[in-house]
Amino acid sequence: MGGNRFPVQPSLAIVIDMTGRSGPEAGECCIMAEDSDGPSGSVAVAGDELRLLIERAERLEEEKKGISDDLKDVMAEAKSRGFDVKTMRAIMAIRKKDKDTYQEEQAILETYKQALGM
């Protein structure tokens, strides 16, 4: 992905094992948390595992963007065929709701409308 570099927080020191080892230990890093009294402890983080999780999240973000683009295309097609997209979205929102929840919301809406003389 991009070459963005983020500054390390001053309270964290990241130490990467560069001993040239291969296998599961290769690329492990140690994150040392420091407070005002010095190091408070460390947690070993497997670099490969972290990289895989980040790459997986990035793939999901790409898929989410693809789905969002597809949804925009469907709505554009619906609009071009004369359907009201705002109403379609309202119907989609209703269909997501539990029947009882929807009926309760409608009852409250009706009560409010009557109170306002609508």
N, C-alpha and C. Protein backbone atom coordinates (compact mmCIF):
# COMPACT_ATOMS: atom_id res chain seq x y z
N MET A 1 0.84 -1.18 0.00
CA MET A 1 0.00 0.00 0.00
C MET A 1 0.89 1.24 0.00
N GLY A 2 0.34 2.39 0.40
CA GLY A 2 1.08 3.65 0.33
C GLY A 2 2.27 3.67 1.26
N GLY A 3 3.13 4.65 1.07
CA GLY A 3 4.34 4.78 1.87
C GLY A 3 4.16 5.72 3.04
N ASN A 4 2.97 5.79 3.59
CA ASN A 4 2.74 6.69 4.72
C ASN A 4 3.57 6.25 5.91
N ARG A 5 4.17 7.21 6.56
CA ARG A 5 4.95 6.94 7.77
C ARG A 5 4.31 7.72 8.90
N PHE A 6 4.08 7.05 10.00
CA PHE A 6 3.47 7.69 11.15
C PHE A 6 4.50 7.77 12.26
N PRO A 7 4.57 8.89 12.94
CA PRO A 7 5.55 9.02 14.02
C PRO A 7 5.20 8.08 15.17
N VAL A 8 6.24 7.53 15.79
CA VAL A 8 6.04 6.67 16.95
C VAL A 8 5.77 7.56 18.15
N GLN A 9 4.78 7.17 18.92
CA GLN A 9 4.46 7.95 20.11
C GLN A 9 5.68 8.00 21.02
N PRO A 10 5.93 9.14 21.64
CA PRO A 10 7.12 9.25 22.48
C PRO A 10 7.15 8.24 23.62
N SER A 11 5.97 7.76 24.06
CA SER A 11 5.95 6.84 25.19
C SER A 11 6.18 5.40 24.76
N LEU A 12 6.36 5.15 23.45
CA LEU A 12 6.58 3.79 22.98
C LEU A 12 7.92 3.68 22.26
N ALA A 13 8.61 2.61 22.49
CA ALA A 13 9.84 2.34 21.77
C ALA A 13 9.66 1.00 21.08
N ILE A 14 9.89 0.94 19.78
CA ILE A 14 9.72 -0.30 19.04
C ILE A 14 11.10 -0.83 18.68
N VAL A 15 11.36 -2.06 19.07
CA VAL A 15 12.65 -2.70 18.81
C VAL A 15 12.40 -3.87 17.89
N ILE A 16 13.02 -3.87 16.72
CA ILE A 16 12.83 -4.93 15.74
C ILE A 16 14.07 -5.81 15.73
N ASP A 17 13.86 -7.11 15.79
CA ASP A 17 14.95 -8.08 15.78
C ASP A 17 15.51 -8.17 14.36
N MET A 18 16.72 -7.72 14.16
CA MET A 18 17.35 -7.74 12.85
C MET A 18 18.57 -8.67 12.87
N THR A 19 18.48 -9.80 13.58
CA THR A 19 19.61 -10.71 13.71
C THR A 19 19.78 -11.62 12.51
N GLY A 20 18.86 -11.55 11.56
CA GLY A 20 18.98 -12.38 10.38
C GLY A 20 18.43 -13.78 10.58
N ARG A 21 17.75 -14.02 11.68
CA ARG A 21 17.17 -15.33 11.92
C ARG A 21 16.04 -15.58 10.93
N SER A 22 15.78 -16.86 10.65
CA SER A 22 14.63 -17.20 9.82
C SER A 22 13.70 -18.07 10.65
N GLY A 23 12.49 -18.22 10.17
CA GLY A 23 11.52 -19.02 10.90
C GLY A 23 10.54 -18.13 11.63
N PRO A 24 9.80 -18.71 12.58
CA PRO A 24 8.74 -17.96 13.25
C PRO A 24 9.25 -16.75 14.04
N GLU A 25 10.51 -16.81 14.50
CA GLU A 25 11.03 -15.70 15.30
C GLU A 25 11.44 -14.51 14.44
N ALA A 26 11.68 -14.73 13.16
CA ALA A 26 12.17 -13.67 12.29
C ALA A 26 11.15 -12.55 12.19
N GLY A 27 11.61 -11.36 12.26
CA GLY A 27 10.74 -10.20 12.11
C GLY A 27 9.93 -9.86 13.34
N GLU A 28 10.15 -10.55 14.44
CA GLU A 28 9.42 -10.19 15.65
C GLU A 28 9.92 -8.86 16.17
N CYS A 29 9.03 -8.14 16.78
CA CYS A 29 9.44 -6.88 17.37
C CYS A 29 8.92 -6.83 18.80
N CYS A 30 9.48 -5.99 19.53
CA CYS A 30 9.10 -5.86 20.92
C CYS A 30 8.66 -4.42 21.13
N ILE A 31 7.48 -4.22 21.69
CA ILE A 31 7.01 -2.87 21.97
C ILE A 31 7.16 -2.62 23.46
N MET A 32 7.98 -1.65 23.79
CA MET A 32 8.26 -1.33 25.18
C MET A 32 7.47 -0.09 25.57
N ALA A 33 6.60 -0.22 26.54
CA ALA A 33 5.85 0.94 27.02
C ALA A 33 6.66 1.59 28.13
N GLU A 34 6.79 2.89 28.06
CA GLU A 34 7.53 3.61 29.08
C GLU A 34 6.63 4.64 29.74
N ASP A 35 6.75 4.76 31.04
CA ASP A 35 6.10 5.84 31.74
C ASP A 35 7.19 6.71 32.36
N SER A 36 6.83 7.59 33.23
CA SER A 36 7.82 8.51 33.78
C SER A 36 8.90 7.81 34.60
N ASP A 37 8.61 6.60 35.09
CA ASP A 37 9.58 5.87 35.90
C ASP A 37 10.45 4.94 35.06
N GLY A 38 10.29 4.92 33.75
CA GLY A 38 11.06 4.04 32.88
C GLY A 38 10.19 2.95 32.32
N PRO A 39 10.83 1.90 31.77
CA PRO A 39 10.07 0.81 31.15
C PRO A 39 9.14 0.13 32.15
N SER A 40 7.89 -0.05 31.76
CA SER A 40 6.93 -0.70 32.66
C SER A 40 6.66 -2.13 32.25
N GLY A 41 7.16 -2.56 31.10
CA GLY A 41 6.94 -3.92 30.64
C GLY A 41 7.04 -3.99 29.13
N SER A 42 7.00 -5.21 28.61
CA SER A 42 7.06 -5.34 27.17
C SER A 42 6.13 -6.45 26.72
N VAL A 43 5.71 -6.34 25.48
CA VAL A 43 4.86 -7.35 24.87
C VAL A 43 5.46 -7.69 23.52
N ALA A 44 5.73 -8.94 23.29
CA ALA A 44 6.27 -9.34 21.99
C ALA A 44 5.14 -9.44 20.99
N VAL A 45 5.33 -8.86 19.84
CA VAL A 45 4.33 -8.88 18.79
C VAL A 45 4.96 -9.53 17.57
N ALA A 46 4.33 -10.56 17.05
CA ALA A 46 4.85 -11.22 15.86
C ALA A 46 4.58 -10.32 14.67
N GLY A 47 5.64 -9.86 14.03
CA GLY A 47 5.52 -8.94 12.90
C GLY A 47 4.71 -9.52 11.76
N ASP A 48 4.90 -10.81 11.47
CA ASP A 48 4.15 -11.44 10.38
C ASP A 48 2.67 -11.47 10.69
N GLU A 49 2.32 -11.79 11.92
CA GLU A 49 0.92 -11.84 12.31
C GLU A 49 0.27 -10.46 12.19
N LEU A 50 0.98 -9.44 12.65
CA LEU A 50 0.48 -8.08 12.57
C LEU A 50 0.29 -7.65 11.12
N ARG A 51 1.28 -7.96 10.28
CA ARG A 51 1.21 -7.62 8.86
C ARG A 51 0.01 -8.30 8.20
N LEU A 52 -0.22 -9.58 8.51
CA LEU A 52 -1.34 -10.31 7.93
C LEU A 52 -2.68 -9.72 8.35
N LEU A 53 -2.79 -9.33 9.60
CA LEU A 53 -4.04 -8.72 10.07
C LEU A 53 -4.29 -7.39 9.38
N ILE A 54 -3.24 -6.59 9.23
CA ILE A 54 -3.38 -5.29 8.56
C ILE A 54 -3.76 -5.50 7.09
N GLU A 55 -3.10 -6.43 6.42
CA GLU A 55 -3.42 -6.70 5.01
C GLU A 55 -4.86 -7.20 4.86
N ARG A 56 -5.29 -8.03 5.80
CA ARG A 56 -6.68 -8.52 5.77
C ARG A 56 -7.67 -7.38 5.93
N ALA A 57 -7.39 -6.47 6.85
CA ALA A 57 -8.26 -5.31 7.05
C ALA A 57 -8.27 -4.43 5.80
N GLU A 58 -7.11 -4.27 5.18
CA GLU A 58 -7.04 -3.47 3.96
C GLU A 58 -7.86 -4.10 2.83
N ARG A 59 -7.80 -5.43 2.70
CA ARG A 59 -8.60 -6.11 1.68
C ARG A 59 -10.09 -5.91 1.94
N LEU A 60 -10.49 -5.99 3.20
CA LEU A 60 -11.90 -5.78 3.54
C LEU A 60 -12.34 -4.36 3.22
N GLU A 61 -11.46 -3.38 3.47
CA GLU A 61 -11.77 -1.99 3.12
C GLU A 61 -11.98 -1.86 1.61
N GLU A 62 -11.13 -2.53 0.82
CA GLU A 62 -11.26 -2.49 -0.63
C GLU A 62 -12.58 -3.12 -1.07
N GLU A 63 -12.93 -4.26 -0.45
CA GLU A 63 -14.19 -4.93 -0.78
C GLU A 63 -15.38 -4.04 -0.42
N LYS A 64 -15.28 -3.38 0.74
CA LYS A 64 -16.35 -2.49 1.18
C LYS A 64 -16.54 -1.35 0.18
N LYS A 65 -15.44 -0.81 -0.32
CA LYS A 65 -15.52 0.26 -1.31
C LYS A 65 -16.15 -0.26 -2.60
N GLY A 66 -15.78 -1.47 -2.99
CA GLY A 66 -16.37 -2.07 -4.19
C GLY A 66 -17.87 -2.26 -4.06
N ILE A 67 -18.31 -2.73 -2.90
CA ILE A 67 -19.74 -2.92 -2.65
C ILE A 67 -20.46 -1.57 -2.66
N SER A 68 -19.84 -0.57 -2.05
CA SER A 68 -20.42 0.77 -2.04
C SER A 68 -20.58 1.30 -3.47
N ASP A 69 -19.57 1.09 -4.30
CA ASP A 69 -19.64 1.51 -5.70
C ASP A 69 -20.76 0.77 -6.43
N ASP A 70 -20.90 -0.54 -6.17
CA ASP A 70 -21.96 -1.32 -6.80
C ASP A 70 -23.34 -0.80 -6.39
N LEU A 71 -23.51 -0.46 -5.11
CA LEU A 71 -24.78 0.07 -4.63
C LEU A 71 -25.11 1.40 -5.30
N LYS A 72 -24.10 2.25 -5.47
CA LYS A 72 -24.31 3.51 -6.17
C LYS A 72 -24.77 3.26 -7.61
N ASP A 73 -24.18 2.26 -8.26
CA ASP A 73 -24.57 1.92 -9.63
C ASP A 73 -26.03 1.46 -9.69
N VAL A 74 -26.44 0.63 -8.72
CA VAL A 74 -27.83 0.15 -8.68
C VAL A 74 -28.79 1.32 -8.50
N MET A 75 -28.44 2.23 -7.61
CA MET A 75 -29.31 3.37 -7.37
C MET A 75 -29.36 4.29 -8.59
N ALA A 76 -28.25 4.45 -9.27
CA ALA A 76 -28.24 5.27 -10.49
C ALA A 76 -29.10 4.61 -11.57
N GLU A 77 -29.04 3.31 -11.66
CA GLU A 77 -29.88 2.59 -12.63
C GLU A 77 -31.35 2.75 -12.28
N ALA A 78 -31.68 2.62 -10.99
CA ALA A 78 -33.08 2.78 -10.56
C ALA A 78 -33.58 4.19 -10.90
N LYS A 79 -32.73 5.18 -10.64
CA LYS A 79 -33.11 6.57 -10.94
C LYS A 79 -33.32 6.76 -12.44
N SER A 80 -32.45 6.17 -13.24
CA SER A 80 -32.57 6.32 -14.69
C SER A 80 -33.83 5.63 -15.22
N ARG A 81 -34.36 4.68 -14.48
CA ARG A 81 -35.59 3.99 -14.88
C ARG A 81 -36.83 4.64 -14.29
N GLY A 82 -36.64 5.78 -13.60
CA GLY A 82 -37.77 6.54 -13.10
C GLY A 82 -38.19 6.27 -11.66
N PHE A 83 -37.43 5.47 -10.94
CA PHE A 83 -37.76 5.21 -9.54
C PHE A 83 -37.18 6.30 -8.65
N ASP A 84 -37.86 6.55 -7.54
CA ASP A 84 -37.40 7.55 -6.58
C ASP A 84 -36.43 6.87 -5.61
N VAL A 85 -35.17 7.24 -5.69
CA VAL A 85 -34.12 6.60 -4.91
C VAL A 85 -34.30 6.85 -3.41
N LYS A 86 -34.73 8.05 -3.05
CA LYS A 86 -34.94 8.36 -1.63
C LYS A 86 -35.99 7.43 -1.03
N THR A 87 -37.06 7.19 -1.77
CA THR A 87 -38.11 6.28 -1.30
C THR A 87 -37.60 4.85 -1.24
N MET A 88 -36.81 4.46 -2.21
CA MET A 88 -36.23 3.11 -2.18
C MET A 88 -35.37 2.92 -0.93
N ARG A 89 -34.57 3.93 -0.61
CA ARG A 89 -33.72 3.83 0.59
C ARG A 89 -34.58 3.76 1.86
N ALA A 90 -35.69 4.51 1.88
CA ALA A 90 -36.60 4.46 3.03
C ALA A 90 -37.19 3.06 3.18
N ILE A 91 -37.58 2.46 2.07
CA ILE A 91 -38.13 1.10 2.11
C ILE A 91 -37.06 0.11 2.57
N MET A 92 -35.84 0.28 2.10
CA MET A 92 -34.76 -0.60 2.55
C MET A 92 -34.55 -0.49 4.05
N ALA A 93 -34.63 0.72 4.58
CA ALA A 93 -34.45 0.93 6.02
C ALA A 93 -35.59 0.27 6.79
N ILE A 94 -36.81 0.36 6.27
CA ILE A 94 -37.96 -0.28 6.93
C ILE A 94 -37.79 -1.79 6.94
N ARG A 95 -37.35 -2.34 5.82
CA ARG A 95 -37.21 -3.79 5.71
C ARG A 95 -36.14 -4.34 6.65
N LYS A 96 -35.17 -3.51 7.03
CA LYS A 96 -34.13 -3.94 7.97
C LYS A 96 -34.66 -4.07 9.39
N LYS A 97 -35.71 -3.31 9.70
CA LYS A 97 -36.21 -3.24 11.07
C LYS A 97 -37.07 -4.44 11.43
N ASP A 98 -37.09 -4.73 12.72
CA ASP A 98 -38.00 -5.71 13.28
C ASP A 98 -39.42 -5.18 13.13
N LYS A 99 -40.36 -6.06 12.82
CA LYS A 99 -41.75 -5.64 12.59
C LYS A 99 -42.33 -4.89 13.78
N ASP A 100 -42.11 -5.39 14.99
CA ASP A 100 -42.65 -4.73 16.18
C ASP A 100 -42.03 -3.35 16.40
N THR A 101 -40.73 -3.24 16.16
CA THR A 101 -40.04 -1.95 16.31
C THR A 101 -40.60 -0.94 15.32
N TYR A 102 -40.79 -1.38 14.09
CA TYR A 102 -41.33 -0.49 13.06
C TYR A 102 -42.75 -0.04 13.43
N GLN A 103 -43.59 -0.96 13.88
CA GLN A 103 -44.96 -0.60 14.26
C GLN A 103 -44.98 0.37 15.43
N GLU A 104 -44.09 0.18 16.38
CA GLU A 104 -44.00 1.10 17.52
C GLU A 104 -43.60 2.49 17.06
N GLU A 105 -42.60 2.57 16.18
CA GLU A 105 -42.17 3.87 15.65
C GLU A 105 -43.31 4.57 14.91
N GLN A 106 -44.06 3.80 14.13
CA GLN A 106 -45.17 4.39 13.38
C GLN A 106 -46.27 4.88 14.31
N ALA A 107 -46.54 4.15 15.39
CA ALA A 107 -47.56 4.56 16.36
C ALA A 107 -47.15 5.87 17.03
N ILE A 108 -45.88 5.98 17.40
CA ILE A 108 -45.39 7.22 18.02
C ILE A 108 -45.47 8.37 17.03
N LEU A 109 -45.08 8.12 15.78
CA LEU A 109 -45.16 9.14 14.73
C LEU A 109 -46.59 9.61 14.56
N GLU A 110 -47.54 8.69 14.52
CA GLU A 110 -48.95 9.05 14.37
C GLU A 110 -49.42 9.89 15.55
N THR A 111 -48.99 9.52 16.76
CA THR A 111 -49.37 10.27 17.97
C THR A 111 -48.85 11.71 17.87
N TYR A 112 -47.61 11.87 17.47
CA TYR A 112 -47.00 13.20 17.33
C TYR A 112 -47.72 14.01 16.26
N LYS A 113 -48.04 13.39 15.14
CA LYS A 113 -48.72 14.08 14.07
C LYS A 113 -50.10 14.57 14.53
N GLN A 114 -50.82 13.74 15.27
CA GLN A 114 -52.12 14.15 15.80
C GLN A 114 -51.99 15.30 16.78
N ALA A 115 -50.94 15.25 17.62
CA ALA A 115 -50.73 16.34 18.58
C ALA A 115 -50.45 17.65 17.89
N LEU A 116 -49.86 17.59 16.70
CA LEU A 116 -49.55 18.79 15.93
C LEU A 116 -50.66 19.17 14.95
N GLY A 117 -51.74 18.39 14.95
CA GLY A 117 -52.85 18.69 14.06
C GLY A 117 -52.55 18.35 12.61
N MET A 118 -51.74 17.42 12.38
CA MET A 118 -51.37 17.03 11.00
C MET A 118 -52.20 15.85 10.53
